[in-house]
Amino acid sequence: MSRSHHRANRRQRKKMHLGEFQELGFMVDAKLAAGQDEAQRDSLLYRFLLEAIEANGLAFGGGMNSDFSGFVVSDKAYGKVEERHRELVRAWLEGQDALQQVQVGELRDAWYGWG
């Protein structure tokens, strides 16, 4: 599908998440520090979702095993994720002793360009 939307009307742009309806998000990745048991991993993930994601109007798709990774978007349809959201999430992740090698990706289109 072409991302060109100069001929699409408003309804079409909304349906295809283009133009003013484009949704952005960003990747997050980190390594778990050695010695984390399942309860500690669960607690870390719960606190991340509560303090860094939900508290900032965001949603997270991903998870944690030996590594932590996922994609962050707005929790509202057609919501806007901005640079400040990246920095809030980065600061939270980097503030956790249980996480190492924190990487927060650039803002990118949440719907297109994954192939």
PDB file of N, CA and C in Angstrom:
ATOM      1  N   MET A   1       0.843  -1.166   0.000  1.00  0.00           N
ATOM      2  CA  MET A   1       0.000   0.000   0.000  1.00  0.00           C
ATOM      3  C   MET A   1       0.890   1.230   0.000  1.00  0.00           C
ATOM      4  N   SER A   2       0.612   2.148  -0.854  1.00  0.00           N
ATOM      5  CA  SER A   2       1.380   3.378  -0.931  1.00  0.00           C
ATOM      6  C   SER A   2       1.072   4.271   0.264  1.00  0.00           C
ATOM      7  N   ARG A   3       2.091   4.904   0.786  1.00  0.00           N
ATOM      8  CA  ARG A   3       1.891   5.821   1.910  1.00  0.00           C
ATOM      9  C   ARG A   3       1.483   7.199   1.411  1.00  0.00           C
ATOM     10  N   SER A   4       1.455   7.380   0.094  1.00  0.00           N
ATOM     11  CA  SER A   4       1.038   8.662  -0.454  1.00  0.00           C
ATOM     12  C   SER A   4      -0.425   8.892  -0.105  1.00  0.00           C
ATOM     13  N   HIS A   5      -0.694  10.028   0.481  1.00  0.00           N
ATOM     14  CA  HIS A   5      -2.067  10.284   0.900  1.00  0.00           C
ATOM     15  C   HIS A   5      -2.605  11.611   0.370  1.00  0.00           C
ATOM     16  N   HIS A   6      -1.949  12.152  -0.656  1.00  0.00           N
ATOM     17  CA  HIS A   6      -2.389  13.449  -1.164  1.00  0.00           C
ATOM     18  C   HIS A   6      -3.755  13.375  -1.831  1.00  0.00           C
ATOM     19  N   ARG A   7      -4.176  12.195  -2.274  1.00  0.00           N
ATOM     20  CA  ARG A   7      -5.485  12.061  -2.913  1.00  0.00           C
ATOM     21  C   ARG A   7      -6.512  11.397  -2.005  1.00  0.00           C
ATOM     22  N   ALA A   8      -6.111  10.963  -0.839  1.00  0.00           N
ATOM     23  CA  ALA A   8      -7.045  10.306   0.076  1.00  0.00           C
ATOM     24  C   ALA A   8      -7.860  11.371   0.814  1.00  0.00           C
ATOM     25  N   ASN A   9      -9.154  11.099   0.974  1.00  0.00           N
ATOM     26  CA  ASN A   9      -9.961  12.040   1.742  1.00  0.00           C
ATOM     27  C   ASN A   9      -9.772  11.779   3.235  1.00  0.00           C
ATOM     28  N   ARG A  10     -10.352  12.618   4.062  1.00  0.00           N
ATOM     29  CA  ARG A  10     -10.154  12.537   5.510  1.00  0.00           C
ATOM     30  C   ARG A  10     -10.534  11.162   6.055  1.00  0.00           C
ATOM     31  N   ARG A  11     -11.658  10.635   5.640  1.00  0.00           N
ATOM     32  CA  ARG A  11     -12.107   9.321   6.109  1.00  0.00           C
ATOM     33  C   ARG A  11     -11.095   8.244   5.743  1.00  0.00           C
ATOM     34  N   GLN A  12     -10.563   8.301   4.526  1.00  0.00           N
ATOM     35  CA  GLN A  12      -9.569   7.317   4.097  1.00  0.00           C
ATOM     36  C   GLN A  12      -8.265   7.460   4.881  1.00  0.00           C
ATOM     37  N   ARG A  13      -7.822   8.701   5.101  1.00  0.00           N
ATOM     38  CA  ARG A  13      -6.600   8.913   5.886  1.00  0.00           C
ATOM     39  C   ARG A  13      -6.765   8.373   7.304  1.00  0.00           C
ATOM     40  N   LYS A  14      -7.947   8.569   7.874  1.00  0.00           N
ATOM     41  CA  LYS A  14      -8.205   8.068   9.228  1.00  0.00           C
ATOM     42  C   LYS A  14      -8.172   6.547   9.250  1.00  0.00           C
ATOM     43  N   LYS A  15      -8.833   5.939   8.304  1.00  0.00           N
ATOM     44  CA  LYS A  15      -8.885   4.475   8.238  1.00  0.00           C
ATOM     45  C   LYS A  15      -7.500   3.867   8.033  1.00  0.00           C
ATOM     46  N   MET A  16      -6.649   4.562   7.270  1.00  0.00           N
ATOM     47  CA  MET A  16      -5.316   4.041   6.954  1.00  0.00           C
ATOM     48  C   MET A  16      -4.223   4.588   7.875  1.00  0.00           C
ATOM     49  N   HIS A  17      -4.614   5.384   8.897  1.00  0.00           N
ATOM     50  CA  HIS A  17      -3.647   5.942   9.852  1.00  0.00           C
ATOM     51  C   HIS A  17      -2.583   6.777   9.143  1.00  0.00           C
ATOM     52  N   LEU A  18      -3.017   7.658   8.257  1.00  0.00           N
ATOM     53  CA  LEU A  18      -2.112   8.509   7.481  1.00  0.00           C
ATOM     54  C   LEU A  18      -2.329   9.977   7.831  1.00  0.00           C
ATOM     55  N   GLY A  19      -1.358  10.796   7.442  1.00  0.00           N
ATOM     56  CA  GLY A  19      -1.487  12.241   7.632  1.00  0.00           C
ATOM     57  C   GLY A  19      -1.699  12.599   9.087  1.00  0.00           C
ATOM     58  N   GLU A  20      -2.738  13.382   9.344  1.00  0.00           N
ATOM     59  CA  GLU A  20      -3.021  13.825  10.705  1.00  0.00           C
ATOM     60  C   GLU A  20      -3.433  12.677  11.624  1.00  0.00           C
ATOM     61  N   PHE A  21      -3.676  11.496  11.073  1.00  0.00           N
ATOM     62  CA  PHE A  21      -4.065  10.321  11.857  1.00  0.00           C
ATOM     63  C   PHE A  21      -2.923   9.321  12.038  1.00  0.00           C
ATOM     64  N   GLN A  22      -1.731   9.693  11.594  1.00  0.00           N
ATOM     65  CA  GLN A  22      -0.572   8.815  11.758  1.00  0.00           C
ATOM     66  C   GLN A  22      -0.326   8.579  13.247  1.00  0.00           C
ATOM     67  N   GLU A  23      -0.020   7.341  13.596  1.00  0.00           N
ATOM     68  CA  GLU A  23       0.297   6.985  14.975  1.00  0.00           C
ATOM     69  C   GLU A  23       1.768   6.596  15.060  1.00  0.00           C
ATOM     70  N   LEU A  24       2.457   7.176  16.027  1.00  0.00           N
ATOM     71  CA  LEU A  24       3.872   6.897  16.231  1.00  0.00           C
ATOM     72  C   LEU A  24       4.068   6.071  17.493  1.00  0.00           C
ATOM     73  N   GLY A  25       5.195   5.407  17.552  1.00  0.00           N
ATOM     74  CA  GLY A  25       5.575   4.652  18.736  1.00  0.00           C
ATOM     75  C   GLY A  25       7.074   4.465  18.725  1.00  0.00           C
ATOM     76  N   PHE A  26       7.580   3.690  19.695  1.00  0.00           N
ATOM     77  CA  PHE A  26       9.017   3.437  19.764  1.00  0.00           C
ATOM     78  C   PHE A  26       9.290   2.105  20.438  1.00  0.00           C
ATOM     79  N   MET A  27      10.408   1.510  20.027  1.00  0.00           N
ATOM     80  CA  MET A  27      10.853   0.236  20.589  1.00  0.00           C
ATOM     81  C   MET A  27      11.606   0.487  21.888  1.00  0.00           C
ATOM     82  N   VAL A  28      11.521  -0.487  22.804  1.00  0.00           N
ATOM     83  CA  VAL A  28      12.360  -0.490  24.003  1.00  0.00           C
ATOM     84  C   VAL A  28      12.981  -1.874  24.139  1.00  0.00           C
ATOM     85  N   ASP A  29      14.238  -1.905  24.547  1.00  0.00           N
ATOM     86  CA  ASP A  29      14.960  -3.163  24.766  1.00  0.00           C
ATOM     87  C   ASP A  29      15.889  -2.978  25.954  1.00  0.00           C
ATOM     88  N   ALA A  30      16.064  -4.039  26.723  1.00  0.00           N
ATOM     89  CA  ALA A  30      17.030  -4.028  27.823  1.00  0.00           C
ATOM     90  C   ALA A  30      17.358  -5.468  28.186  1.00  0.00           C
ATOM     91  N   LYS A  31      18.481  -5.632  28.831  1.00  0.00           N
ATOM     92  CA  LYS A  31      18.889  -6.936  29.363  1.00  0.00           C
ATOM     93  C   LYS A  31      18.592  -6.942  30.853  1.00  0.00           C
ATOM     94  N   LEU A  32      18.129  -8.082  31.341  1.00  0.00           N
ATOM     95  CA  LEU A  32      17.921  -8.224  32.779  1.00  0.00           C
ATOM     96  C   LEU A  32      19.241  -8.526  33.463  1.00  0.00           C
ATOM     97  N   ALA A  33      19.470  -7.885  34.582  1.00  0.00           N
ATOM     98  CA  ALA A  33      20.663  -8.177  35.374  1.00  0.00           C
ATOM     99  C   ALA A  33      20.573  -9.616  35.878  1.00  0.00           C
ATOM    100  N   ALA A  34      21.711 -10.232  36.052  1.00  0.00           N
ATOM    101  CA  ALA A  34      21.755 -11.622  36.524  1.00  0.00           C
ATOM    102  C   ALA A  34      21.117 -11.735  37.905  1.00  0.00           C
ATOM    103  N   GLY A  35      20.532 -12.899  38.150  1.00  0.00           N
ATOM    104  CA  GLY A  35      20.000 -13.202  39.465  1.00  0.00           C
ATOM    105  C   GLY A  35      18.565 -12.787  39.711  1.00  0.00           C
ATOM    106  N   GLN A  36      17.853 -12.364  38.680  1.00  0.00           N
ATOM    107  CA  GLN A  36      16.454 -11.977  38.851  1.00  0.00           C
ATOM    108  C   GLN A  36      15.566 -13.218  38.798  1.00  0.00           C
ATOM    109  N   ASP A  37      14.805 -13.454  39.866  1.00  0.00           N
ATOM    110  CA  ASP A  37      13.884 -14.590  39.835  1.00  0.00           C
ATOM    111  C   ASP A  37      12.554 -14.156  39.222  1.00  0.00           C
ATOM    112  N   GLU A  38      11.642 -15.097  39.060  1.00  0.00           N
ATOM    113  CA  GLU A  38      10.370 -14.814  38.399  1.00  0.00           C
ATOM    114  C   GLU A  38       9.571 -13.736  39.127  1.00  0.00           C
ATOM    115  N   ALA A  39       9.537 -13.777  40.439  1.00  0.00           N
ATOM    116  CA  ALA A  39       8.793 -12.779  41.211  1.00  0.00           C
ATOM    117  C   ALA A  39       9.378 -11.381  41.005  1.00  0.00           C
ATOM    118  N   GLN A  40      10.691 -11.279  40.950  1.00  0.00           N
ATOM    119  CA  GLN A  40      11.334  -9.982  40.722  1.00  0.00           C
ATOM    120  C   GLN A  40      11.051  -9.471  39.314  1.00  0.00           C
ATOM    121  N   ARG A  41      11.077 -10.364  38.332  1.00  0.00           N
ATOM    122  CA  ARG A  41      10.759  -9.966  36.950  1.00  0.00           C
ATOM    123  C   ARG A  41       9.308  -9.498  36.858  1.00  0.00           C
ATOM    124  N   ASP A  42       8.399 -10.249  37.482  1.00  0.00           N
ATOM    125  CA  ASP A  42       6.985  -9.862  37.461  1.00  0.00           C
ATOM    126  C   ASP A  42       6.771  -8.501  38.115  1.00  0.00           C
ATOM    127  N   SER A  43       7.438  -8.272  39.242  1.00  0.00           N
ATOM    128  CA  SER A  43       7.318  -6.996  39.943  1.00  0.00           C
ATOM    129  C   SER A  43       7.848  -5.852  39.087  1.00  0.00           C
ATOM    130  N   LEU A  44       8.976  -6.070  38.435  1.00  0.00           N
ATOM    131  CA  LEU A  44       9.558  -5.049  37.564  1.00  0.00           C
ATOM    132  C   LEU A  44       8.608  -4.715  36.418  1.00  0.00           C
ATOM    133  N   LEU A  45       8.062  -5.726  35.774  1.00  0.00           N
ATOM    134  CA  LEU A  45       7.141  -5.502  34.663  1.00  0.00           C
ATOM    135  C   LEU A  45       5.884  -4.778  35.138  1.00  0.00           C
ATOM    136  N   TYR A  46       5.346  -5.174  36.281  1.00  0.00           N
ATOM    137  CA  TYR A  46       4.152  -4.527  36.829  1.00  0.00           C
ATOM    138  C   TYR A  46       4.425  -3.045  37.111  1.00  0.00           C
ATOM    139  N   ARG A  47       5.554  -2.751  37.757  1.00  0.00           N
ATOM    140  CA  ARG A  47       5.893  -1.364  38.061  1.00  0.00           C
ATOM    141  C   ARG A  47       6.121  -0.561  36.785  1.00  0.00           C
ATOM    142  N   PHE A  48       6.758  -1.171  35.778  1.00  0.00           N
ATOM    143  CA  PHE A  48       6.959  -0.494  34.494  1.00  0.00           C
ATOM    144  C   PHE A  48       5.616  -0.114  33.881  1.00  0.00           C
ATOM    145  N   LEU A  49       4.700  -1.069  33.838  1.00  0.00           N
ATOM    146  CA  LEU A  49       3.388  -0.799  33.249  1.00  0.00           C
ATOM    147  C   LEU A  49       2.638   0.283  34.022  1.00  0.00           C
ATOM    148  N   LEU A  50       2.691   0.224  35.329  1.00  0.00           N
ATOM    149  CA  LEU A  50       1.969   1.177  36.164  1.00  0.00           C
ATOM    150  C   LEU A  50       2.613   2.565  36.145  1.00  0.00           C
ATOM    151  N   GLU A  51       3.918   2.635  36.382  1.00  0.00           N
ATOM    152  CA  GLU A  51       4.603   3.912  36.588  1.00  0.00           C
ATOM    153  C   GLU A  51       5.053   4.599  35.300  1.00  0.00           C
ATOM    154  N   ALA A  52       5.515   3.840  34.333  1.00  0.00           N
ATOM    155  CA  ALA A  52       6.064   4.447  33.116  1.00  0.00           C
ATOM    156  C   ALA A  52       5.069   4.456  31.965  1.00  0.00           C
ATOM    157  N   ILE A  53       4.219   3.451  31.897  1.00  0.00           N
ATOM    158  CA  ILE A  53       3.310   3.329  30.757  1.00  0.00           C
ATOM    159  C   ILE A  53       1.942   3.941  31.065  1.00  0.00           C
ATOM    160  N   GLU A  54       1.168   3.325  31.947  1.00  0.00           N
ATOM    161  CA  GLU A  54      -0.189   3.810  32.224  1.00  0.00           C
ATOM    162  C   GLU A  54      -0.202   5.230  32.773  1.00  0.00           C
ATOM    163  N   ALA A  55       0.750   5.574  33.628  1.00  0.00           N
ATOM    164  CA  ALA A  55       0.799   6.912  34.223  1.00  0.00           C
ATOM    165  C   ALA A  55       1.018   8.005  33.181  1.00  0.00           C
ATOM    166  N   ASN A  56       1.503   7.639  32.012  1.00  0.00           N
ATOM    167  CA  ASN A  56       1.787   8.607  30.949  1.00  0.00           C
ATOM    168  C   ASN A  56       0.874   8.456  29.742  1.00  0.00           C
ATOM    169  N   GLY A  57      -0.244   7.731  29.901  1.00  0.00           N
ATOM    170  CA  GLY A  57      -1.201   7.585  28.806  1.00  0.00           C
ATOM    171  C   GLY A  57      -0.681   6.761  27.653  1.00  0.00           C
ATOM    172  N   LEU A  58       0.149   5.758  27.964  1.00  0.00           N
ATOM    173  CA  LEU A  58       0.761   4.927  26.935  1.00  0.00           C
ATOM    174  C   LEU A  58       0.264   3.493  27.030  1.00  0.00           C
ATOM    175  N   ALA A  59       0.577   2.712  26.012  1.00  0.00           N
ATOM    176  CA  ALA A  59       0.292   1.278  25.980  1.00  0.00           C
ATOM    177  C   ALA A  59       1.573   0.566  25.554  1.00  0.00           C
ATOM    178  N   PHE A  60       1.726  -0.682  25.991  1.00  0.00           N
ATOM    179  CA  PHE A  60       2.951  -1.441  25.742  1.00  0.00           C
ATOM    180  C   PHE A  60       2.596  -2.818  25.226  1.00  0.00           C
ATOM    181  N   GLY A  61       3.254  -3.218  24.144  1.00  0.00           N
ATOM    182  CA  GLY A  61       3.146  -4.583  23.638  1.00  0.00           C
ATOM    183  C   GLY A  61       4.517  -5.206  23.688  1.00  0.00           C
ATOM    184  N   GLY A  62       4.666  -6.265  24.450  1.00  0.00           N
ATOM    185  CA  GLY A  62       5.971  -6.902  24.581  1.00  0.00           C
ATOM    186  C   GLY A  62       6.007  -7.752  25.820  1.00  0.00           C
ATOM    187  N   GLY A  63       7.196  -7.988  26.334  1.00  0.00           N
ATOM    188  CA  GLY A  63       7.297  -8.799  27.524  1.00  0.00           C
ATOM    189  C   GLY A  63       8.716  -8.975  27.993  1.00  0.00           C
ATOM    190  N   MET A  64       8.873  -9.967  28.881  1.00  0.00           N
ATOM    191  CA  MET A  64      10.147 -10.161  29.529  1.00  0.00           C
ATOM    192  C   MET A  64      10.377 -11.636  29.806  1.00  0.00           C
ATOM    193  N   ASN A  65      11.522 -12.121  29.391  1.00  0.00           N
ATOM    194  CA  ASN A  65      12.044 -13.427  29.789  1.00  0.00           C
ATOM    195  C   ASN A  65      13.444 -13.163  30.314  1.00  0.00           C
ATOM    196  N   SER A  66      14.466 -13.523  29.562  1.00  0.00           N
ATOM    197  CA  SER A  66      15.824 -13.143  29.960  1.00  0.00           C
ATOM    198  C   SER A  66      16.129 -11.727  29.490  1.00  0.00           C
ATOM    199  N   ASP A  67      15.365 -11.242  28.552  1.00  0.00           N
ATOM    200  CA  ASP A  67      15.476  -9.876  28.052  1.00  0.00           C
ATOM    201  C   ASP A  67      14.125  -9.194  28.201  1.00  0.00           C
ATOM    202  N   PHE A  68      14.143  -7.899  28.066  1.00  0.00           N
ATOM    203  CA  PHE A  68      12.942  -7.084  28.153  1.00  0.00           C
ATOM    204  C   PHE A  68      12.827  -6.334  26.839  1.00  0.00           C
ATOM    205  N   SER A  69      11.703  -6.465  26.137  1.00  0.00           N
ATOM    206  CA  SER A  69      11.564  -5.744  24.874  1.00  0.00           C
ATOM    207  C   SER A  69      10.097  -5.549  24.534  1.00  0.00           C
ATOM    208  N   GLY A  70       9.839  -4.519  23.721  1.00  0.00           N
ATOM    209  CA  GLY A  70       8.484  -4.264  23.280  1.00  0.00           C
ATOM    210  C   GLY A  70       8.378  -2.956  22.529  1.00  0.00           C
ATOM    211  N   PHE A  71       7.136  -2.575  22.249  1.00  0.00           N
ATOM    212  CA  PHE A  71       6.835  -1.370  21.480  1.00  0.00           C
ATOM    213  C   PHE A  71       5.842  -0.540  22.279  1.00  0.00           C
ATOM    214  N   VAL A  72       6.066   0.764  22.344  1.00  0.00           N
ATOM    215  CA  VAL A  72       5.240   1.680  23.127  1.00  0.00           C
ATOM    216  C   VAL A  72       4.473   2.597  22.181  1.00  0.00           C
ATOM    217  N   VAL A  73       3.164   2.714  22.422  1.00  0.00           N
ATOM    218  CA  VAL A  73       2.291   3.599  21.651  1.00  0.00           C
ATOM    219  C   VAL A  73       1.373   4.338  22.622  1.00  0.00           C
ATOM    220  N   SER A  74       0.561   5.238  22.094  1.00  0.00           N
ATOM    221  CA  SER A  74      -0.448   5.909  22.907  1.00  0.00           C
ATOM    222  C   SER A  74      -1.548   4.912  23.257  1.00  0.00           C
ATOM    223  N   ASP A  75      -2.173   5.106  24.412  1.00  0.00           N
ATOM    224  CA  ASP A  75      -3.285   4.220  24.767  1.00  0.00           C
ATOM    225  C   ASP A  75      -4.614   4.711  24.194  1.00  0.00           C
ATOM    226  N   LYS A  76      -4.584   5.809  23.445  1.00  0.00           N
ATOM    227  CA  LYS A  76      -5.784   6.344  22.800  1.00  0.00           C
ATOM    228  C   LYS A  76      -5.702   6.116  21.291  1.00  0.00           C
ATOM    229  N   ALA A  77      -6.828   5.798  20.688  1.00  0.00           N
ATOM    230  CA  ALA A  77      -6.861   5.674  19.231  1.00  0.00           C
ATOM    231  C   ALA A  77      -6.461   7.016  18.623  1.00  0.00           C
ATOM    232  N   TYR A  78      -5.533   6.983  17.701  1.00  0.00           N
ATOM    233  CA  TYR A  78      -5.009   8.165  17.017  1.00  0.00           C
ATOM    234  C   TYR A  78      -4.303   9.114  17.989  1.00  0.00           C
ATOM    235  N   GLY A  79      -3.900   8.600  19.135  1.00  0.00           N
ATOM    236  CA  GLY A  79      -3.169   9.402  20.114  1.00  0.00           C
ATOM    237  C   GLY A  79      -1.764   9.697  19.627  1.00  0.00           C
ATOM    238  N   LYS A  80      -1.146  10.660  20.238  1.00  0.00           N
ATOM    239  CA  LYS A  80       0.183  11.099  19.814  1.00  0.00           C
ATOM    240  C   LYS A  80       1.230  10.722  20.859  1.00  0.00           C
ATOM    241  N   VAL A  81       2.252  10.023  20.425  1.00  0.00           N
ATOM    242  CA  VAL A  81       3.428   9.762  21.245  1.00  0.00           C
ATOM    243  C   VAL A  81       4.487  10.755  20.788  1.00  0.00           C
ATOM    244  N   GLU A  82       5.122  11.397  21.743  1.00  0.00           N
ATOM    245  CA  GLU A  82       6.082  12.452  21.437  1.00  0.00           C
ATOM    246  C   GLU A  82       7.440  12.122  22.032  1.00  0.00           C
ATOM    247  N   GLU A  83       8.413  12.963  21.714  1.00  0.00           N
ATOM    248  CA  GLU A  83       9.771  12.796  22.228  1.00  0.00           C
ATOM    249  C   GLU A  83       9.788  12.759  23.755  1.00  0.00           C
ATOM    250  N   ARG A  84       8.951  13.553  24.397  1.00  0.00           N
ATOM    251  CA  ARG A  84       8.930  13.562  25.863  1.00  0.00           C
ATOM    252  C   ARG A  84       8.532  12.201  26.429  1.00  0.00           C
ATOM    253  N   HIS A  85       7.678  11.465  25.720  1.00  0.00           N
ATOM    254  CA  HIS A  85       7.306  10.115  26.163  1.00  0.00           C
ATOM    255  C   HIS A  85       8.509   9.179  26.100  1.00  0.00           C
ATOM    256  N   ARG A  86       9.278   9.289  25.030  1.00  0.00           N
ATOM    257  CA  ARG A  86      10.498   8.472  24.913  1.00  0.00           C
ATOM    258  C   ARG A  86      11.430   8.740  26.085  1.00  0.00           C
ATOM    259  N   GLU A  87      11.601  10.009  26.410  1.00  0.00           N
ATOM    260  CA  GLU A  87      12.523  10.375  27.484  1.00  0.00           C
ATOM    261  C   GLU A  87      11.999   9.936  28.848  1.00  0.00           C
ATOM    262  N   LEU A  88      10.691  10.021  29.077  1.00  0.00           N
ATOM    263  CA  LEU A  88      10.113   9.538  30.336  1.00  0.00           C
ATOM    264  C   LEU A  88      10.347   8.041  30.502  1.00  0.00           C
ATOM    265  N   VAL A  89      10.087   7.282  29.441  1.00  0.00           N
ATOM    266  CA  VAL A  89      10.270   5.831  29.501  1.00  0.00           C
ATOM    267  C   VAL A  89      11.754   5.494  29.646  1.00  0.00           C
ATOM    268  N   ARG A  90      12.601   6.178  28.899  1.00  0.00           N
ATOM    269  CA  ARG A  90      14.049   5.943  29.007  1.00  0.00           C
ATOM    270  C   ARG A  90      14.521   6.184  30.442  1.00  0.00           C
ATOM    271  N   ALA A  91      14.128   7.305  31.021  1.00  0.00           N
ATOM    272  CA  ALA A  91      14.565   7.638  32.382  1.00  0.00           C
ATOM    273  C   ALA A  91      14.104   6.573  33.371  1.00  0.00           C
ATOM    274  N   TRP A  92      12.873   6.097  33.226  1.00  0.00           N
ATOM    275  CA  TRP A  92      12.376   5.069  34.141  1.00  0.00           C
ATOM    276  C   TRP A  92      13.197   3.791  33.991  1.00  0.00           C
ATOM    277  N   LEU A  93      13.391   3.348  32.759  1.00  0.00           N
ATOM    278  CA  LEU A  93      14.138   2.109  32.527  1.00  0.00           C
ATOM    279  C   LEU A  93      15.576   2.221  33.031  1.00  0.00           C
ATOM    280  N   GLU A  94      16.225   3.337  32.740  1.00  0.00           N
ATOM    281  CA  GLU A  94      17.615   3.510  33.162  1.00  0.00           C
ATOM    282  C   GLU A  94      17.746   3.640  34.676  1.00  0.00           C
ATOM    283  N   GLY A  95      16.659   3.978  35.357  1.00  0.00           N
ATOM    284  CA  GLY A  95      16.672   4.090  36.805  1.00  0.00           C
ATOM    285  C   GLY A  95      16.490   2.770  37.536  1.00  0.00           C
ATOM    286  N   GLN A  96      16.361   1.676  36.789  1.00  0.00           N
ATOM    287  CA  GLN A  96      16.134   0.361  37.398  1.00  0.00           C
ATOM    288  C   GLN A  96      17.437  -0.425  37.445  1.00  0.00           C
ATOM    289  N   ASP A  97      17.872  -0.784  38.653  1.00  0.00           N
ATOM    290  CA  ASP A  97      19.101  -1.569  38.805  1.00  0.00           C
ATOM    291  C   ASP A  97      18.993  -2.936  38.141  1.00  0.00           C
ATOM    292  N   ALA A  98      17.778  -3.448  37.997  1.00  0.00           N
ATOM    293  CA  ALA A  98      17.576  -4.782  37.428  1.00  0.00           C
ATOM    294  C   ALA A  98      17.725  -4.806  35.907  1.00  0.00           C
ATOM    295  N   LEU A  99      17.854  -3.632  35.275  1.00  0.00           N
ATOM    296  CA  LEU A  99      17.974  -3.565  33.815  1.00  0.00           C
ATOM    297  C   LEU A  99      19.327  -3.009  33.409  1.00  0.00           C
ATOM    298  N   GLN A 100      19.872  -3.573  32.343  1.00  0.00           N
ATOM    299  CA  GLN A 100      21.151  -3.132  31.795  1.00  0.00           C
ATOM    300  C   GLN A 100      20.993  -2.940  30.293  1.00  0.00           C
ATOM    301  N   GLN A 101      21.895  -2.190  29.705  1.00  0.00           N
ATOM    302  CA  GLN A 101      21.924  -1.978  28.255  1.00  0.00           C
ATOM    303  C   GLN A 101      20.564  -1.512  27.720  1.00  0.00           C
ATOM    304  N   VAL A 102      19.996  -0.523  28.376  1.00  0.00           N
ATOM    305  CA  VAL A 102      18.693   0.015  27.967  1.00  0.00           C
ATOM    306  C   VAL A 102      18.832   0.707  26.616  1.00  0.00           C
ATOM    307  N   GLN A 103      17.933   0.374  25.703  1.00  0.00           N
ATOM    308  CA  GLN A 103      17.879   1.023  24.397  1.00  0.00           C
ATOM    309  C   GLN A 103      16.444   1.458  24.142  1.00  0.00           C
ATOM    310  N   VAL A 104      16.289   2.704  23.738  1.00  0.00           N
ATOM    311  CA  VAL A 104      14.979   3.247  23.394  1.00  0.00           C
ATOM    312  C   VAL A 104      15.077   3.745  21.962  1.00  0.00           C
ATOM    313  N   GLY A 105      14.270   3.179  21.078  1.00  0.00           N
ATOM    314  CA  GLY A 105      14.334   3.516  19.663  1.00  0.00           C
ATOM    315  C   GLY A 105      13.751   4.878  19.349  1.00  0.00           C
ATOM    316  N   GLU A 106      13.976   5.300  18.128  1.00  0.00           N
ATOM    317  CA  GLU A 106      13.429   6.562  17.636  1.00  0.00           C
ATOM    318  C   GLU A 106      11.924   6.426  17.427  1.00  0.00           C
ATOM    319  N   LEU A 107      11.233   7.563  17.418  1.00  0.00           N
ATOM    320  CA  LEU A 107       9.813   7.551  17.067  1.00  0.00           C
ATOM    321  C   LEU A 107       9.673   7.045  15.640  1.00  0.00           C
ATOM    322  N   ARG A 108       8.702   6.175  15.430  1.00  0.00           N
ATOM    323  CA  ARG A 108       8.477   5.626  14.097  1.00  0.00           C
ATOM    324  C   ARG A 108       6.998   5.345  13.912  1.00  0.00           C
ATOM    325  N   ASP A 109       6.612   5.188  12.659  1.00  0.00           N
ATOM    326  CA  ASP A 109       5.229   4.886  12.332  1.00  0.00           C
ATOM    327  C   ASP A 109       4.856   3.538  12.939  1.00  0.00           C
ATOM    328  N   ALA A 110       3.756   3.511  13.672  1.00  0.00           N
ATOM    329  CA  ALA A 110       3.333   2.279  14.335  1.00  0.00           C
ATOM    330  C   ALA A 110       2.632   1.312  13.384  1.00  0.00           C
ATOM    331  N   TRP A 111       2.226   1.780  12.203  1.00  0.00           N
ATOM    332  CA  TRP A 111       1.457   0.938  11.286  1.00  0.00           C
ATOM    333  C   TRP A 111       2.223   0.514  10.042  1.00  0.00           C
ATOM    334  N   TYR A 112       3.160   1.320   9.580  1.00  0.00           N
ATOM    335  CA  TYR A 112       3.807   1.056   8.293  1.00  0.00           C
ATOM    336  C   TYR A 112       5.324   0.988   8.428  1.00  0.00           C
ATOM    337  N   GLY A 113       5.952   0.297   7.483  1.00  0.00           N
ATOM    338  CA  GLY A 113       7.398   0.259   7.401  1.00  0.00           C
ATOM    339  C   GLY A 113       8.054  -0.843   8.202  1.00  0.00           C
ATOM    340  N   TRP A 114       7.324  -1.876   8.531  1.00  0.00           N
ATOM    341  CA  TRP A 114       7.871  -2.973   9.333  1.00  0.00           C
ATOM    342  C   TRP A 114       8.443  -4.085   8.480  1.00  0.00           C
ATOM    343  N   GLY A 115       8.190  -4.092   7.191  1.00  0.00           N
ATOM    344  CA  GLY A 115       8.584  -5.198   6.339  1.00  0.00           C
ATOM    345  C   GLY A 115       9.942  -5.220   5.849  1.00  0.00           C
TER     346      GLY A 115
END
